[in-house]
Protein backbone atom coordinates (compact mmCIF):
# COMPACT_ATOMS: atom_id res chain seq x y z
CA UNK A 1 201.80 15.41 76.56
CA UNK A 2 200.75 19.02 76.65
CA UNK A 3 197.41 19.98 75.04
CA UNK A 4 195.66 23.25 74.43
CA UNK A 5 192.11 24.13 73.47
CA UNK A 6 191.58 25.65 70.03
CA UNK A 7 188.65 28.08 70.00
CA UNK A 8 185.92 27.60 67.41
CA UNK A 9 185.91 31.25 66.38
CA UNK A 10 189.42 32.62 66.05
CA UNK A 11 188.39 36.23 65.38
CA UNK A 12 187.35 36.83 68.99
CA UNK A 13 190.76 35.92 70.43
CA UNK A 14 193.07 38.85 71.14
CA UNK A 15 196.75 38.48 70.32
CA UNK A 16 199.12 38.80 73.26
CA UNK A 17 202.07 41.08 72.49
CA UNK A 18 204.23 41.01 75.60
CA UNK A 19 203.45 38.51 78.35
CA UNK A 20 199.74 38.82 79.04
CA UNK A 21 199.30 42.29 77.48
CA UNK A 22 197.30 42.91 74.31
CA UNK A 23 198.06 45.50 71.63
CA UNK A 24 195.47 47.92 73.05
CA UNK A 25 197.04 47.68 76.51
CA UNK A 26 200.53 48.20 75.08
CA UNK A 27 199.37 51.35 73.26
CA UNK A 28 197.74 52.67 76.45
CA UNK A 29 200.94 52.00 78.42
CA UNK A 30 203.30 53.46 75.78
CA UNK A 31 201.35 56.62 74.94
CA UNK A 32 202.23 58.45 78.22
CA UNK A 33 205.87 58.45 77.12
CA UNK A 34 205.06 60.58 74.06
CA UNK A 35 202.50 62.75 75.85
CA UNK A 36 204.88 63.40 78.77
CA UNK A 37 207.63 64.32 76.31
CA UNK A 38 205.27 66.84 74.66
CA UNK A 39 204.36 68.32 78.07
CA UNK A 40 208.06 68.57 79.01
CA UNK A 41 209.03 70.36 75.79
CA UNK A 42 205.99 72.57 75.03
CA UNK A 43 204.87 74.00 78.39
CA UNK A 44 206.59 77.18 79.75
CA UNK A 45 210.16 76.99 80.95
CA UNK A 46 210.87 74.64 78.07
CA UNK A 47 213.16 71.69 78.73
CA UNK A 48 213.16 72.33 82.48
CA UNK A 49 211.44 70.04 84.98
CA UNK A 50 208.96 71.93 87.16
CA UNK A 51 206.57 70.77 89.84
CA UNK A 52 203.42 71.40 87.80
CA UNK A 53 204.92 69.53 84.81
CA UNK A 54 205.80 66.58 87.02
CA UNK A 55 202.31 66.48 88.57
CA UNK A 56 200.70 66.69 85.11
CA UNK A 57 202.94 63.93 83.72
CA UNK A 58 202.23 61.63 86.70
CA UNK A 59 198.50 62.29 86.36
CA UNK A 60 198.51 61.47 82.61
CA UNK A 61 200.58 58.33 83.20
CA UNK A 62 198.33 57.18 86.05
CA UNK A 63 195.10 57.71 84.08
CA UNK A 64 196.32 55.90 80.96
CA UNK A 65 197.84 53.06 83.00
CA UNK A 66 194.56 52.60 84.88
CA UNK A 67 192.65 52.52 81.55
CA UNK A 68 194.84 49.57 80.53
CA UNK A 69 193.62 47.38 83.43
CA UNK A 70 191.63 44.40 82.18
CA UNK A 71 188.30 43.46 83.83
CA UNK A 72 186.50 40.37 82.50
CA UNK A 73 188.63 40.22 79.32
CA UNK A 74 187.94 43.89 78.45
CA UNK A 75 190.06 46.90 79.30
CA UNK A 76 188.74 49.64 81.53
CA UNK A 77 188.72 51.98 78.52
CA UNK A 78 186.27 49.70 76.65
CA UNK A 79 184.06 49.49 79.76
CA UNK A 80 184.05 53.29 80.09
CA UNK A 81 183.08 53.73 76.41
CA UNK A 82 180.27 51.16 76.80
CA UNK A 83 178.89 52.78 79.95
CA UNK A 84 179.12 56.26 78.40
CA UNK A 85 177.18 55.14 75.29
CA UNK A 86 174.59 53.53 77.54
CA UNK A 87 174.15 56.68 79.62
CA UNK A 88 173.93 58.96 76.57
CA UNK A 89 171.33 56.87 74.71
CA UNK A 90 167.79 58.08 74.14
CA UNK A 91 165.56 57.04 77.02
CA UNK A 92 162.17 57.99 75.61
CA UNK A 93 160.93 56.96 72.19
CA UNK A 94 157.87 58.93 71.16
CA UNK A 95 155.65 57.62 68.39
CA UNK A 96 153.89 60.34 66.45
CA UNK A 97 151.46 59.11 63.82
CA UNK A 98 151.25 62.61 62.39
CA UNK A 99 154.86 62.80 61.27
CA UNK A 100 155.85 63.59 57.68
CA UNK A 101 157.61 60.30 56.95
CA UNK A 102 156.44 58.90 53.57
CA UNK A 103 153.72 61.55 53.33
CA UNK A 104 154.84 62.82 49.91
CA UNK A 105 154.72 59.42 48.21
CA UNK A 106 151.73 58.70 46.02
CA UNK A 107 151.08 55.09 46.83
CA UNK A 108 148.44 53.12 44.95
CA UNK A 109 145.17 52.59 46.77
CA UNK A 110 144.94 49.18 48.42
CA UNK A 111 141.27 48.96 47.46
CA UNK A 112 141.21 47.75 43.85
CA UNK A 113 137.98 46.19 42.59
CA UNK A 114 137.01 44.71 39.28
CA UNK A 115 133.98 46.03 37.44
CA UNK A 116 130.92 43.85 37.60
CA UNK A 117 130.48 41.73 34.49
CA UNK A 118 134.10 42.01 33.39
CA UNK A 119 135.96 38.88 32.41
CA UNK A 120 138.53 37.44 34.82
CA UNK A 121 141.24 37.10 32.17
CA UNK A 122 144.07 39.62 32.18
CA UNK A 123 143.22 41.01 28.74
CA UNK A 124 139.57 41.85 29.37
CA UNK A 125 139.64 42.90 33.00
CA UNK A 126 139.41 46.56 33.92
CA UNK A 127 140.78 47.64 37.26
CA UNK A 128 138.91 50.44 38.91
CA UNK A 129 140.45 52.30 41.83
CA UNK A 130 137.74 53.38 44.20
CA UNK A 131 137.37 53.79 47.91
CA UNK A 132 134.94 51.55 49.70
CA UNK A 133 132.05 53.35 51.32
CA UNK A 134 129.80 52.12 54.09
CA UNK A 135 127.32 50.53 51.66
CA UNK A 136 130.13 48.48 50.10
CA UNK A 137 131.11 47.17 53.52
CA UNK A 138 127.52 46.10 54.18
CA UNK A 139 127.32 44.31 50.82
CA UNK A 140 130.65 42.60 51.52
CA UNK A 141 129.44 41.45 54.93
CA UNK A 142 126.28 39.96 53.35
CA UNK A 143 128.38 38.10 50.78
CA UNK A 144 130.73 36.71 53.43
CA UNK A 145 127.89 35.56 55.70
CA UNK A 146 125.94 33.96 52.83
CA UNK A 147 126.43 30.20 53.06
CA UNK A 148 125.75 29.70 49.34
CA UNK A 149 128.63 31.99 48.30
CA UNK A 150 132.09 30.58 47.77
CA UNK A 151 135.10 32.76 48.64
CA UNK A 152 138.37 31.90 46.86
CA UNK A 153 141.85 33.34 47.43
CA UNK A 154 144.51 32.74 44.77
CA UNK A 155 147.93 34.26 44.31
CA UNK A 156 150.36 34.33 41.42
CA UNK A 157 154.16 33.99 41.41
CA UNK A 158 154.68 37.67 42.16
CA UNK A 159 152.55 37.48 45.30
CA UNK A 160 149.50 39.34 43.97
CA UNK A 161 146.40 38.17 45.82
CA UNK A 162 143.17 37.67 43.83
CA UNK A 163 139.89 37.32 45.72
CA UNK A 164 136.81 36.00 43.96
CA UNK A 165 133.22 35.37 45.06
CA UNK A 166 131.07 32.79 43.32
CA UNK A 167 127.50 32.11 44.27
CA UNK A 168 126.61 28.44 44.46
CA UNK A 169 122.98 27.66 43.63
């Protein structure tokens, strides 16, 4: 009984048109017929076979036939396109932190602090946008290093992070 393997992914299999030739190979092998006909009819001394026309037709046929050769399941044309894209790619990527990308956007300040003495509930709280200065960093460091202070992180469903400090006596 004869068996054959069925590939798991059918989209990667190329259809064979004639014998072992794929559609791309058939197009590459058939296109010289039309190109050679155009050369024969359009170039000077129309509809007469000359030496330069014959050399040009043989050259076109040879190039397109060689592009139809398959190497490791890919035609030579696909390999040439891949190598050309590889050679023409950018080789140096320069990072410039002073570029203008997203410079015009007015993004909210990441430093949002609640006023001292304000309630924690959403109705009574007042958000104050201010930049932290060096003194604020020193106060924050003292709070974090204080063993009697409790630091709590909570987040809501939307991913907003709330940080609270409570002093334990």
